[in-house]
Every structure is written in C-alpha cells, then in structure tokens.
Amino acid sequence: QVQLVEYGGGLVQAGGSLRLSCVASGSILSIAAMSWYRQAPGKERELVASINRVGSTNYTDSVKGRLAISRDNAKKTMYLQMNSLNAEDTAVYYCNTIGPSNYWGQGTQVTVSS
C-alpha cells in the first residue's frame, strides 16, 4: 500500500507562484514513476508532468516553461513548482504513482485570481 498526501494549494494572484508537495509513505520502493494530474471545472483530468526514479521528467505542452516537477527521494516528497500562473491553471491537483499499482492522493485546490 502507498499513501499520498498533497500540500500547498491555495489562492494566488495571476502571475504569481506556488509550490505543491506530495508526501509518499508505505511500500514505495516499487514505484516506477510519479506524476501530477489536474482537473479543472468542466474539464477531464489531465496529466501535467511525470518524473521517474532517476529524475527524468515529462510535461504536457500547456505547462512547459511555467511548471516544473521535482522530487526529494530522502524526504519521499514530490514537488510541482508553479510559476507565471493564470486562471487556466485553476484546478484540483493530484499526485499519482505509476507501477506496479496506481495510487492517488486526495487532491489540493489551486485557485488563480485575475
């Protein structure tokens, strides 16, 4: 079992920055990769970014240059640094594990005011 808890969501002004955290616990040695998803009102949940155990990253085109995924293995924590935020970034953000089983956190709300 893997448990995931997201932190860091909140209200931020357009153009501002925010950093999300996802703390993992449990049987995490078998996790191949982790990712951030988001779901905005009226939209499907979408993949934002992913990172594997050696730090290789991938991003969806809409966030390249503004959002950055990283991790601290010692702290068992994954981060999403969010810069130049705009209203379209408003969503519930979820962290997720990839392989052998998939787990999800509870989500954290990010609201960007304009």
N, C-alpha and C. Protein backbone atom coordinates (compact mmCIF):
# COMPACT_ATOMS: atom_id res chain seq x y z
N GLN A 1 0.83 -1.18 0.00
CA GLN A 1 0.00 0.00 0.00
C GLN A 1 0.87 1.24 0.00
N VAL A 2 0.44 2.24 -0.73
CA VAL A 2 1.10 3.53 -0.78
C VAL A 2 0.08 4.59 -0.41
N GLN A 3 0.50 5.51 0.43
CA GLN A 3 -0.34 6.63 0.79
C GLN A 3 0.29 7.92 0.26
N LEU A 4 -0.53 8.78 -0.30
CA LEU A 4 -0.08 10.04 -0.87
C LEU A 4 -0.91 11.18 -0.30
N VAL A 5 -0.23 12.25 0.10
CA VAL A 5 -0.91 13.42 0.63
C VAL A 5 -0.35 14.66 -0.03
N GLU A 6 -1.21 15.47 -0.63
CA GLU A 6 -0.79 16.70 -1.28
C GLU A 6 -0.91 17.88 -0.32
N TYR A 7 0.00 18.82 -0.47
CA TYR A 7 0.01 20.05 0.31
C TYR A 7 0.32 21.22 -0.61
N GLY A 8 -0.02 22.41 -0.17
CA GLY A 8 0.45 23.62 -0.82
C GLY A 8 -0.54 24.35 -1.68
N GLY A 9 -1.71 23.81 -1.89
CA GLY A 9 -2.70 24.51 -2.68
C GLY A 9 -3.21 25.74 -1.96
N GLY A 10 -3.85 26.61 -2.73
CA GLY A 10 -4.38 27.83 -2.16
C GLY A 10 -4.75 28.83 -3.23
N LEU A 11 -4.94 30.06 -2.79
CA LEU A 11 -5.30 31.16 -3.68
C LEU A 11 -4.07 31.99 -3.99
N VAL A 12 -3.87 32.26 -5.27
CA VAL A 12 -2.72 33.04 -5.71
C VAL A 12 -3.15 34.00 -6.81
N GLN A 13 -2.50 35.14 -6.87
CA GLN A 13 -2.79 36.12 -7.92
C GLN A 13 -2.21 35.68 -9.26
N ALA A 14 -2.85 36.08 -10.33
CA ALA A 14 -2.32 35.80 -11.66
C ALA A 14 -0.91 36.34 -11.79
N GLY A 15 -0.04 35.55 -12.38
CA GLY A 15 1.36 35.91 -12.50
C GLY A 15 2.21 35.47 -11.33
N GLY A 16 1.58 35.00 -10.28
CA GLY A 16 2.30 34.57 -9.10
C GLY A 16 2.78 33.14 -9.19
N SER A 17 3.33 32.67 -8.06
CA SER A 17 3.93 31.35 -7.99
C SER A 17 3.39 30.57 -6.80
N LEU A 18 3.49 29.26 -6.90
CA LEU A 18 3.04 28.37 -5.85
C LEU A 18 3.82 27.07 -5.98
N ARG A 19 4.09 26.41 -4.87
CA ARG A 19 4.75 25.12 -4.91
C ARG A 19 3.90 24.08 -4.19
N LEU A 20 3.56 23.02 -4.90
CA LEU A 20 2.82 21.92 -4.34
C LEU A 20 3.76 20.81 -3.91
N SER A 21 3.37 20.09 -2.87
CA SER A 21 4.14 18.96 -2.38
C SER A 21 3.26 17.73 -2.32
N CYS A 22 3.85 16.58 -2.53
CA CYS A 22 3.17 15.31 -2.37
C CYS A 22 4.08 14.40 -1.56
N VAL A 23 3.64 14.04 -0.37
CA VAL A 23 4.42 13.19 0.52
C VAL A 23 3.93 11.76 0.42
N ALA A 24 4.84 10.84 0.13
CA ALA A 24 4.51 9.43 -0.03
C ALA A 24 4.95 8.63 1.19
N SER A 25 4.18 7.62 1.52
CA SER A 25 4.54 6.71 2.61
C SER A 25 4.05 5.32 2.27
N GLY A 26 4.54 4.32 3.00
CA GLY A 26 4.17 2.95 2.75
C GLY A 26 5.21 2.23 1.92
N SER A 27 4.76 1.31 1.08
CA SER A 27 5.64 0.48 0.26
C SER A 27 5.98 1.21 -1.03
N ILE A 28 6.98 2.08 -0.96
CA ILE A 28 7.28 2.96 -2.09
C ILE A 28 8.45 2.49 -2.94
N LEU A 29 9.17 1.45 -2.55
CA LEU A 29 10.35 1.03 -3.30
C LEU A 29 10.00 0.55 -4.70
N SER A 30 8.80 0.05 -4.90
CA SER A 30 8.41 -0.50 -6.19
C SER A 30 7.83 0.54 -7.14
N ILE A 31 7.73 1.78 -6.72
CA ILE A 31 7.16 2.82 -7.57
C ILE A 31 8.12 3.13 -8.71
N ALA A 32 7.64 3.02 -9.94
CA ALA A 32 8.48 3.28 -11.10
C ALA A 32 8.55 4.77 -11.43
N ALA A 33 7.46 5.47 -11.22
CA ALA A 33 7.41 6.89 -11.53
C ALA A 33 6.24 7.51 -10.79
N MET A 34 6.26 8.83 -10.70
CA MET A 34 5.16 9.56 -10.11
C MET A 34 4.77 10.70 -11.03
N SER A 35 3.57 11.19 -10.84
CA SER A 35 3.07 12.22 -11.73
C SER A 35 2.13 13.16 -11.01
N TRP A 36 1.93 14.32 -11.60
CA TRP A 36 0.92 15.29 -11.19
C TRP A 36 -0.16 15.34 -12.26
N TYR A 37 -1.39 15.25 -11.83
CA TYR A 37 -2.56 15.46 -12.66
C TYR A 37 -3.33 16.66 -12.14
N ARG A 38 -4.20 17.20 -12.98
CA ARG A 38 -5.10 18.24 -12.52
C ARG A 38 -6.45 18.10 -13.21
N GLN A 39 -7.47 18.59 -12.55
CA GLN A 39 -8.81 18.58 -13.11
C GLN A 39 -9.48 19.91 -12.81
N ALA A 40 -9.77 20.64 -13.87
CA ALA A 40 -10.43 21.93 -13.76
C ALA A 40 -11.94 21.74 -13.94
N PRO A 41 -12.73 22.69 -13.45
CA PRO A 41 -14.18 22.59 -13.62
C PRO A 41 -14.57 22.45 -15.09
N GLY A 42 -15.40 21.46 -15.38
CA GLY A 42 -15.87 21.25 -16.73
C GLY A 42 -14.88 20.57 -17.66
N LYS A 43 -13.73 20.15 -17.14
CA LYS A 43 -12.72 19.51 -17.97
C LYS A 43 -12.36 18.14 -17.42
N GLU A 44 -11.82 17.30 -18.29
CA GLU A 44 -11.34 16.00 -17.87
C GLU A 44 -10.02 16.12 -17.13
N ARG A 45 -9.76 15.15 -16.27
CA ARG A 45 -8.48 15.13 -15.58
C ARG A 45 -7.36 14.93 -16.60
N GLU A 46 -6.31 15.75 -16.49
CA GLU A 46 -5.23 15.69 -17.44
C GLU A 46 -3.88 15.51 -16.75
N LEU A 47 -2.99 14.83 -17.43
CA LEU A 47 -1.64 14.67 -16.95
C LEU A 47 -0.87 15.97 -17.12
N VAL A 48 -0.22 16.42 -16.06
CA VAL A 48 0.55 17.65 -16.09
C VAL A 48 2.03 17.37 -16.29
N ALA A 49 2.58 16.48 -15.47
CA ALA A 49 4.00 16.19 -15.51
C ALA A 49 4.27 14.87 -14.83
N SER A 50 5.38 14.24 -15.16
CA SER A 50 5.78 12.99 -14.53
C SER A 50 7.27 12.98 -14.32
N ILE A 51 7.71 12.15 -13.37
CA ILE A 51 9.13 12.02 -13.06
C ILE A 51 9.40 10.59 -12.63
N ASN A 52 10.50 10.02 -13.11
CA ASN A 52 10.83 8.66 -12.73
C ASN A 52 11.87 8.65 -11.61
N ARG A 53 12.33 7.47 -11.24
CA ARG A 53 13.19 7.32 -10.07
C ARG A 53 14.56 7.96 -10.24
N VAL A 54 15.01 8.14 -11.48
CA VAL A 54 16.31 8.77 -11.70
C VAL A 54 16.18 10.24 -12.08
N GLY A 55 14.96 10.77 -12.05
CA GLY A 55 14.78 12.19 -12.26
C GLY A 55 14.41 12.63 -13.66
N SER A 56 14.20 11.72 -14.58
CA SER A 56 13.77 12.10 -15.92
C SER A 56 12.34 12.61 -15.87
N THR A 57 12.08 13.70 -16.57
CA THR A 57 10.79 14.36 -16.49
C THR A 57 10.12 14.48 -17.85
N ASN A 58 8.80 14.58 -17.81
CA ASN A 58 8.00 14.84 -18.99
C ASN A 58 6.89 15.80 -18.62
N TYR A 59 6.50 16.66 -19.57
CA TYR A 59 5.49 17.67 -19.33
C TYR A 59 4.49 17.71 -20.48
N THR A 60 3.26 18.05 -20.14
CA THR A 60 2.31 18.36 -21.18
C THR A 60 2.64 19.73 -21.76
N ASP A 61 2.35 19.93 -23.04
CA ASP A 61 2.79 21.14 -23.72
C ASP A 61 2.26 22.42 -23.08
N SER A 62 1.08 22.37 -22.51
CA SER A 62 0.45 23.57 -21.99
C SER A 62 1.15 24.16 -20.77
N VAL A 63 2.02 23.40 -20.12
CA VAL A 63 2.67 23.89 -18.90
C VAL A 63 4.18 24.03 -19.05
N LYS A 64 4.73 23.68 -20.18
CA LYS A 64 6.17 23.76 -20.38
C LYS A 64 6.65 25.20 -20.21
N GLY A 65 7.72 25.35 -19.45
CA GLY A 65 8.29 26.66 -19.20
C GLY A 65 7.70 27.37 -18.01
N ARG A 66 6.60 26.89 -17.46
CA ARG A 66 5.96 27.52 -16.31
C ARG A 66 5.91 26.62 -15.08
N LEU A 67 5.72 25.34 -15.29
CA LEU A 67 5.63 24.39 -14.19
C LEU A 67 6.81 23.43 -14.26
N ALA A 68 7.31 23.04 -13.10
CA ALA A 68 8.45 22.14 -13.03
C ALA A 68 8.23 21.09 -11.95
N ILE A 69 8.43 19.84 -12.31
CA ILE A 69 8.29 18.74 -11.38
C ILE A 69 9.67 18.35 -10.85
N SER A 70 9.72 17.99 -9.59
CA SER A 70 10.97 17.54 -8.98
C SER A 70 10.65 16.62 -7.82
N ARG A 71 11.69 16.02 -7.25
CA ARG A 71 11.47 15.15 -6.10
C ARG A 71 12.68 15.13 -5.20
N ASP A 72 12.45 14.81 -3.95
CA ASP A 72 13.49 14.62 -2.96
C ASP A 72 13.29 13.21 -2.42
N ASN A 73 14.13 12.29 -2.87
CA ASN A 73 13.95 10.89 -2.50
C ASN A 73 14.11 10.67 -1.00
N ALA A 74 15.04 11.39 -0.38
CA ALA A 74 15.26 11.23 1.05
C ALA A 74 14.03 11.62 1.85
N LYS A 75 13.32 12.63 1.38
CA LYS A 75 12.12 13.10 2.07
C LYS A 75 10.85 12.42 1.57
N LYS A 76 11.00 11.56 0.56
CA LYS A 76 9.86 10.87 -0.04
C LYS A 76 8.79 11.86 -0.49
N THR A 77 9.25 12.94 -1.09
CA THR A 77 8.36 14.03 -1.46
C THR A 77 8.57 14.43 -2.91
N MET A 78 7.48 14.64 -3.61
CA MET A 78 7.49 15.15 -4.97
C MET A 78 6.92 16.57 -4.95
N TYR A 79 7.45 17.43 -5.81
CA TYR A 79 7.05 18.83 -5.85
C TYR A 79 6.57 19.22 -7.24
N LEU A 80 5.75 20.24 -7.27
CA LEU A 80 5.39 20.90 -8.51
C LEU A 80 5.53 22.39 -8.30
N GLN A 81 6.59 22.97 -8.87
CA GLN A 81 6.80 24.40 -8.80
C GLN A 81 6.00 25.06 -9.92
N MET A 82 5.13 25.98 -9.56
CA MET A 82 4.22 26.61 -10.50
C MET A 82 4.52 28.10 -10.57
N ASN A 83 4.92 28.57 -11.74
CA ASN A 83 5.25 29.97 -11.96
C ASN A 83 4.36 30.55 -13.06
N SER A 84 4.29 31.87 -13.10
CA SER A 84 3.51 32.58 -14.11
C SER A 84 2.10 32.01 -14.22
N LEU A 85 1.47 31.85 -13.09
CA LEU A 85 0.16 31.22 -13.05
C LEU A 85 -0.90 32.11 -13.68
N ASN A 86 -1.86 31.49 -14.31
CA ASN A 86 -3.00 32.19 -14.87
C ASN A 86 -4.28 31.45 -14.49
N ALA A 87 -5.41 32.04 -14.84
CA ALA A 87 -6.69 31.48 -14.43
C ALA A 87 -6.92 30.08 -14.97
N GLU A 88 -6.32 29.75 -16.09
CA GLU A 88 -6.49 28.42 -16.66
C GLU A 88 -5.78 27.34 -15.84
N ASP A 89 -4.93 27.74 -14.91
CA ASP A 89 -4.28 26.78 -14.04
C ASP A 89 -5.14 26.41 -12.84
N THR A 90 -6.26 27.08 -12.67
CA THR A 90 -7.16 26.76 -11.57
C THR A 90 -7.69 25.34 -11.73
N ALA A 91 -7.47 24.51 -10.72
CA ALA A 91 -7.86 23.11 -10.79
C ALA A 91 -7.56 22.45 -9.45
N VAL A 92 -8.06 21.24 -9.30
CA VAL A 92 -7.62 20.37 -8.22
C VAL A 92 -6.45 19.56 -8.74
N TYR A 93 -5.34 19.60 -8.02
CA TYR A 93 -4.13 18.92 -8.42
C TYR A 93 -3.95 17.65 -7.60
N TYR A 94 -3.64 16.55 -8.28
CA TYR A 94 -3.49 15.24 -7.66
C TYR A 94 -2.11 14.67 -7.96
N CYS A 95 -1.52 14.00 -6.98
CA CYS A 95 -0.34 13.21 -7.28
C CYS A 95 -0.72 11.75 -7.42
N ASN A 96 0.13 11.02 -8.13
CA ASN A 96 -0.21 9.67 -8.57
C ASN A 96 1.06 8.85 -8.70
N THR A 97 0.97 7.55 -8.39
CA THR A 97 2.08 6.63 -8.59
C THR A 97 1.85 5.78 -9.83
N ILE A 98 2.94 5.38 -10.48
CA ILE A 98 2.88 4.54 -11.66
C ILE A 98 3.64 3.25 -11.39
N GLY A 99 2.99 2.14 -11.46
CA GLY A 99 3.55 0.80 -11.34
C GLY A 99 4.08 0.47 -9.97
N PRO A 100 3.91 -0.81 -9.55
CA PRO A 100 3.06 -1.81 -10.19
C PRO A 100 1.57 -1.55 -9.99
N SER A 101 1.22 -0.78 -9.00
CA SER A 101 -0.15 -0.37 -8.76
C SER A 101 -0.23 1.15 -8.78
N ASN A 102 -1.40 1.65 -9.05
CA ASN A 102 -1.63 3.09 -9.11
C ASN A 102 -2.35 3.57 -7.86
N TYR A 103 -1.81 4.62 -7.27
CA TYR A 103 -2.41 5.23 -6.10
C TYR A 103 -2.57 6.72 -6.34
N TRP A 104 -3.55 7.30 -5.66
CA TRP A 104 -3.86 8.71 -5.80
C TRP A 104 -3.93 9.39 -4.44
N GLY A 105 -3.52 10.63 -4.41
CA GLY A 105 -3.74 11.45 -3.24
C GLY A 105 -5.13 12.02 -3.24
N GLN A 106 -5.44 12.80 -2.22
CA GLN A 106 -6.79 13.35 -2.08
C GLN A 106 -7.00 14.61 -2.91
N GLY A 107 -5.93 15.20 -3.40
CA GLY A 107 -6.00 16.40 -4.19
C GLY A 107 -5.87 17.66 -3.36
N THR A 108 -5.37 18.72 -3.99
CA THR A 108 -5.27 20.02 -3.35
C THR A 108 -5.73 21.08 -4.34
N GLN A 109 -6.54 22.01 -3.87
CA GLN A 109 -7.15 23.01 -4.74
C GLN A 109 -6.20 24.17 -4.97
N VAL A 110 -6.02 24.53 -6.24
CA VAL A 110 -5.27 25.71 -6.63
C VAL A 110 -6.23 26.65 -7.34
N THR A 111 -6.32 27.87 -6.84
CA THR A 111 -7.19 28.88 -7.44
C THR A 111 -6.37 30.11 -7.78
N VAL A 112 -6.42 30.52 -9.04
CA VAL A 112 -5.67 31.68 -9.51
C VAL A 112 -6.67 32.79 -9.80
N SER A 113 -6.52 33.91 -9.14
CA SER A 113 -7.40 35.05 -9.34
C SER A 113 -6.84 35.98 -10.40
N SER A 114 -7.72 36.65 -11.13
CA SER A 114 -7.31 37.54 -12.20
C SER A 114 -8.10 38.83 -12.16
